[in-house]
């Protein structure tokens, strides 16, 4: 395994940060690993490289944004095996499979199983860089979305059981009158609950409240 390579301009000893994406290169060919690491580092992305899928899995942390570039054929776990194991562990890192000409059917199977893309050797440097940058953007967007969902779930937990009932009925399209009738309370009480729900959910409008609820589905 090569050490973490800082992107140009980073401070010595700065290390990696949980929010900073890392591109993981997994290939049993040392020359290929070093070449890919240099290429990816040239566009100011952090890189870590591993000689095997098992080595990478032992060091991989859930929640780390970035992507994986994996050779489809490796001793031990193949690129396909690695992708399947990441899915099994719930590690949401986009995978780009590197394949030789004869391995294209394997790469296609990898994509059908969830790989983001594949690139065939010998590949064009710019094509690979574009794929990597797209994968990193995808990973960061997914991370932001998950953080937002966690925030919404935390706000939901602040609701009282009655407020949650009212919210569920609002989301189902019930009017204040219908909610009041169903729960055996007054419309004024429903309005008070709605106001509390809006406040606790930090929603400025009914439309925004519905977006928050829908985002959790």
Protein backbone atom coordinates (compact mmCIF):
# COMPACT_ATOMS: atom_id res chain seq x y z
CA UNK A 1 0.00 0.00 0.00
CA UNK A 2 1.31 3.44 -0.84
CA UNK A 3 0.93 6.23 1.72
CA UNK A 4 -1.73 8.87 1.36
CA UNK A 5 -0.56 11.34 -1.24
CA UNK A 6 -1.46 14.97 -0.52
CA UNK A 7 -2.83 16.97 -3.39
CA UNK A 8 -0.61 19.83 -4.55
CA UNK A 9 -0.96 22.83 -2.28
CA UNK A 10 -1.97 20.89 0.84
CA UNK A 11 -0.11 21.46 4.07
CA UNK A 12 2.58 19.00 5.16
CA UNK A 13 1.20 16.58 7.73
CA UNK A 14 -2.33 17.79 7.08
CA UNK A 15 -3.68 14.26 6.59
CA UNK A 16 -7.06 13.41 5.17
CA UNK A 17 -10.35 14.83 6.32
CA UNK A 18 -13.64 12.90 6.46
CA UNK A 19 -15.28 15.41 4.10
CA UNK A 20 -12.42 15.37 1.60
CA UNK A 21 -12.86 12.85 -1.23
CA UNK A 22 -10.20 10.21 -1.81
CA UNK A 23 -9.71 8.20 -4.99
CA UNK A 24 -8.78 4.61 -4.14
CA UNK A 25 -6.73 2.76 -6.75
CA UNK A 26 -6.88 -1.02 -6.38
CA UNK A 27 -4.60 -2.94 -8.75
CA UNK A 28 -2.09 -5.74 -8.24
CA UNK A 29 0.23 -4.17 -10.86
CA UNK A 30 2.56 -1.71 -9.09
CA UNK A 31 3.39 0.21 -12.26
CA UNK A 32 -0.31 0.64 -13.01
CA UNK A 33 -1.00 1.83 -9.46
CA UNK A 34 1.78 4.39 -9.59
CA UNK A 35 0.76 5.63 -13.03
CA UNK A 36 -2.88 6.04 -12.01
CA UNK A 37 -1.90 7.75 -8.75
CA UNK A 38 0.21 10.31 -10.61
CA UNK A 39 -2.55 10.94 -13.13
CA UNK A 40 -5.24 11.47 -10.50
CA UNK A 41 -2.94 13.58 -8.32
CA UNK A 42 -2.35 15.86 -11.31
CA UNK A 43 -5.93 17.14 -11.02
CA UNK A 44 -5.57 17.85 -7.28
CA UNK A 45 -7.42 14.82 -5.98
CA UNK A 46 -6.14 12.80 -3.04
CA UNK A 47 -5.13 9.23 -3.82
CA UNK A 48 -4.52 6.01 -1.92
CA UNK A 49 -3.45 2.86 -3.71
CA UNK A 50 -3.69 -0.79 -2.73
CA UNK A 51 -2.22 -3.96 -4.20
CA UNK A 52 -5.31 -6.07 -3.52
CA UNK A 53 -9.01 -5.79 -2.85
CA UNK A 54 -8.56 -7.40 0.58
CA UNK A 55 -5.95 -4.79 1.54
CA UNK A 56 -8.28 -2.00 0.49
CA UNK A 57 -11.27 -3.45 2.35
CA UNK A 58 -9.21 -3.70 5.54
CA UNK A 59 -8.50 0.04 5.39
CA UNK A 60 -11.78 1.36 3.96
CA UNK A 61 -14.03 3.41 6.25
CA UNK A 62 -17.79 3.70 5.69
CA UNK A 63 -18.85 7.27 4.96
CA UNK A 64 -15.62 8.28 3.23
CA UNK A 65 -16.48 10.18 0.03
CA UNK A 66 -14.59 9.51 -3.19
CA UNK A 67 -14.47 6.61 -5.60
CA UNK A 68 -12.69 3.34 -6.34
CA UNK A 69 -10.75 2.46 -9.49
CA UNK A 70 -10.36 -1.31 -9.54
CA UNK A 71 -8.78 -3.66 -12.04
CA UNK A 72 -11.32 -6.29 -13.05
CA UNK A 73 -8.74 -9.13 -12.83
CA UNK A 74 -6.72 -9.45 -9.63
CA UNK A 75 -5.46 -12.35 -7.53
CA UNK A 76 -7.87 -13.16 -4.72
CA UNK A 77 -10.87 -10.87 -4.90
CA UNK A 78 -11.50 -9.53 -8.41
CA UNK A 79 -12.86 -6.08 -9.18
CA UNK A 80 -16.32 -7.66 -9.40
CA UNK A 81 -15.86 -9.33 -6.01
CA UNK A 82 -14.73 -6.05 -4.51
CA UNK A 83 -17.77 -4.23 -5.81
CA UNK A 84 -20.07 -6.90 -4.41
CA UNK A 85 -18.34 -6.75 -1.01
CA UNK A 86 -18.66 -2.96 -0.86
CA UNK A 87 -22.40 -3.32 -1.50
CA UNK A 88 -22.66 -6.03 1.16
CA UNK A 89 -20.96 -3.78 3.70
CA UNK A 90 -23.11 -0.79 2.80
CA UNK A 91 -20.11 1.26 1.67
CA UNK A 92 -21.41 3.68 -0.93
CA UNK A 93 -18.32 4.39 -3.02
CA UNK A 94 -18.75 4.64 -6.81
CA UNK A 95 -16.65 1.99 -8.58
CA UNK A 96 -14.90 2.44 -11.92
CA UNK A 97 -13.72 -0.85 -13.35
CA UNK A 98 -10.53 -0.98 -15.43
CA UNK A 99 -10.60 -3.77 -17.98
CA UNK A 100 -8.57 -5.32 -20.75
CA UNK A 101 -10.21 -5.87 -24.14
CA UNK A 102 -11.06 -9.49 -23.37
CA UNK A 103 -12.67 -8.54 -20.08
CA UNK A 104 -15.30 -6.16 -21.46
CA UNK A 105 -18.16 -8.65 -20.82
CA UNK A 106 -17.03 -8.80 -17.19
CA UNK A 107 -17.03 -5.01 -17.00
CA UNK A 108 -20.53 -4.90 -18.45
CA UNK A 109 -21.66 -7.34 -15.77
CA UNK A 110 -20.03 -5.11 -13.18
CA UNK A 111 -22.03 -2.12 -14.41
CA UNK A 112 -25.24 -4.12 -14.32
CA UNK A 113 -24.37 -5.01 -10.73
CA UNK A 114 -23.90 -1.36 -9.79
CA UNK A 115 -20.49 -0.15 -11.00
CA UNK A 116 -20.62 3.47 -12.10
CA UNK A 117 -18.57 2.97 -15.26
CA UNK A 118 -15.69 1.08 -16.82
CA UNK A 119 -12.67 2.06 -18.87
CA UNK A 120 -10.82 -0.21 -21.26
CA UNK A 121 -7.03 -0.49 -21.44
CA UNK A 122 -5.18 1.30 -22.92
CA UNK A 123 -7.33 4.21 -21.82
CA UNK A 124 -7.23 7.89 -22.67
CA UNK A 125 -6.03 9.87 -19.63
CA UNK A 126 -8.63 12.60 -20.05
CA UNK A 127 -11.45 10.06 -20.36
CA UNK A 128 -10.41 8.46 -17.07
CA UNK A 129 -10.04 11.82 -15.34
CA UNK A 130 -13.54 12.80 -16.48
CA UNK A 131 -14.94 9.52 -15.15
CA UNK A 132 -13.17 9.98 -11.82
CA UNK A 133 -14.31 13.57 -11.39
CA UNK A 134 -17.88 12.57 -12.21
CA UNK A 135 -17.69 9.70 -9.70
CA UNK A 136 -16.37 12.03 -6.99
CA UNK A 137 -19.18 14.52 -7.65
CA UNK A 138 -21.67 11.66 -7.43
CA UNK A 139 -20.19 10.54 -4.12
CA UNK A 140 -20.22 14.03 -2.60
CA UNK A 141 -23.82 14.61 -3.72
CA UNK A 142 -24.88 11.30 -2.16
CA UNK A 143 -23.08 12.23 1.07
CA UNK A 144 -24.81 15.63 1.20
CA UNK A 145 -28.18 13.97 0.59
CA UNK A 146 -27.61 11.46 3.39
CA UNK A 147 -26.57 14.22 5.78
CA UNK A 148 -29.72 16.16 4.94
CA UNK A 149 -31.83 13.06 5.56
CA UNK A 150 -30.18 12.54 8.93
CA UNK A 151 -30.97 16.14 9.81
CA UNK A 152 -34.62 15.69 8.85
CA UNK A 153 -34.84 12.44 10.84
CA UNK A 154 -33.38 14.20 13.87
CA UNK A 155 -36.02 16.93 13.55
CA UNK A 156 -38.77 14.31 13.20
CA UNK A 157 -37.69 12.80 16.50
CA UNK A 158 -38.40 16.13 18.19
CA UNK A 159 -42.09 15.89 17.30
CA UNK A 160 -44.54 14.65 19.91
CA UNK A 161 -46.64 11.58 19.02
CA UNK A 162 -49.62 13.85 18.34
CA UNK A 163 -47.57 16.18 16.15
CA UNK A 164 -46.32 13.19 14.20
CA UNK A 165 -49.92 12.04 13.71
CA UNK A 166 -50.85 15.45 12.39
CA UNK A 167 -47.83 15.50 10.09
CA UNK A 168 -48.68 12.07 8.68
CA UNK A 169 -52.23 13.17 7.99
CA UNK A 170 -51.07 16.42 6.40
CA UNK A 171 -48.77 14.42 4.15
CA UNK A 172 -51.74 12.18 3.24
CA UNK A 173 -53.61 15.27 2.03
CA UNK A 174 -56.06 15.65 4.92
CA UNK A 175 -57.50 19.09 5.63
CA UNK A 176 -57.46 20.69 9.08
CA UNK A 177 -61.14 19.86 9.39
CA UNK A 178 -60.56 16.24 8.42
CA UNK A 179 -57.65 15.90 10.86
CA UNK A 180 -59.70 17.46 13.65
CA UNK A 181 -62.57 15.06 13.02
CA UNK A 182 -60.31 12.00 12.82
CA UNK A 183 -58.40 12.84 16.01
CA UNK A 184 -61.36 14.22 17.97
CA UNK A 185 -59.79 17.63 18.51
CA UNK A 186 -60.66 21.16 17.45
CA UNK A 187 -59.42 22.78 14.25
CA UNK A 188 -57.63 25.39 16.36
CA UNK A 189 -55.72 22.62 18.09
CA UNK A 190 -54.83 21.15 14.69
CA UNK A 191 -53.59 24.57 13.58
CA UNK A 192 -51.45 24.81 16.72
CA UNK A 193 -49.98 21.37 16.06
CA UNK A 194 -49.28 22.33 12.43
CA UNK A 195 -47.46 25.46 13.60
CA UNK A 196 -45.35 23.41 16.00
CA UNK A 197 -44.56 20.90 13.24
CA UNK A 198 -43.50 23.66 10.86
CA UNK A 199 -41.31 25.21 13.55
CA UNK A 200 -39.63 21.97 14.65
CA UNK A 201 -39.10 20.79 11.07
CA UNK A 202 -37.65 24.23 10.18
CA UNK A 203 -39.98 24.50 7.19
CA UNK A 204 -40.89 27.95 5.94
CA UNK A 205 -43.81 26.75 3.84
CA UNK A 206 -46.13 23.79 3.40
CA UNK A 207 -44.35 22.95 0.13
CA UNK A 208 -40.98 22.88 1.90
CA UNK A 209 -42.42 20.66 4.63
CA UNK A 210 -43.66 18.19 2.02
CA UNK A 211 -40.25 18.16 0.31
CA UNK A 212 -38.63 17.23 3.61
CA UNK A 213 -41.07 14.38 4.17
CA UNK A 214 -40.79 13.10 0.58
CA UNK A 215 -36.97 13.19 0.76
CA UNK A 216 -37.09 10.47 3.44
CA UNK A 217 -38.91 7.99 1.18
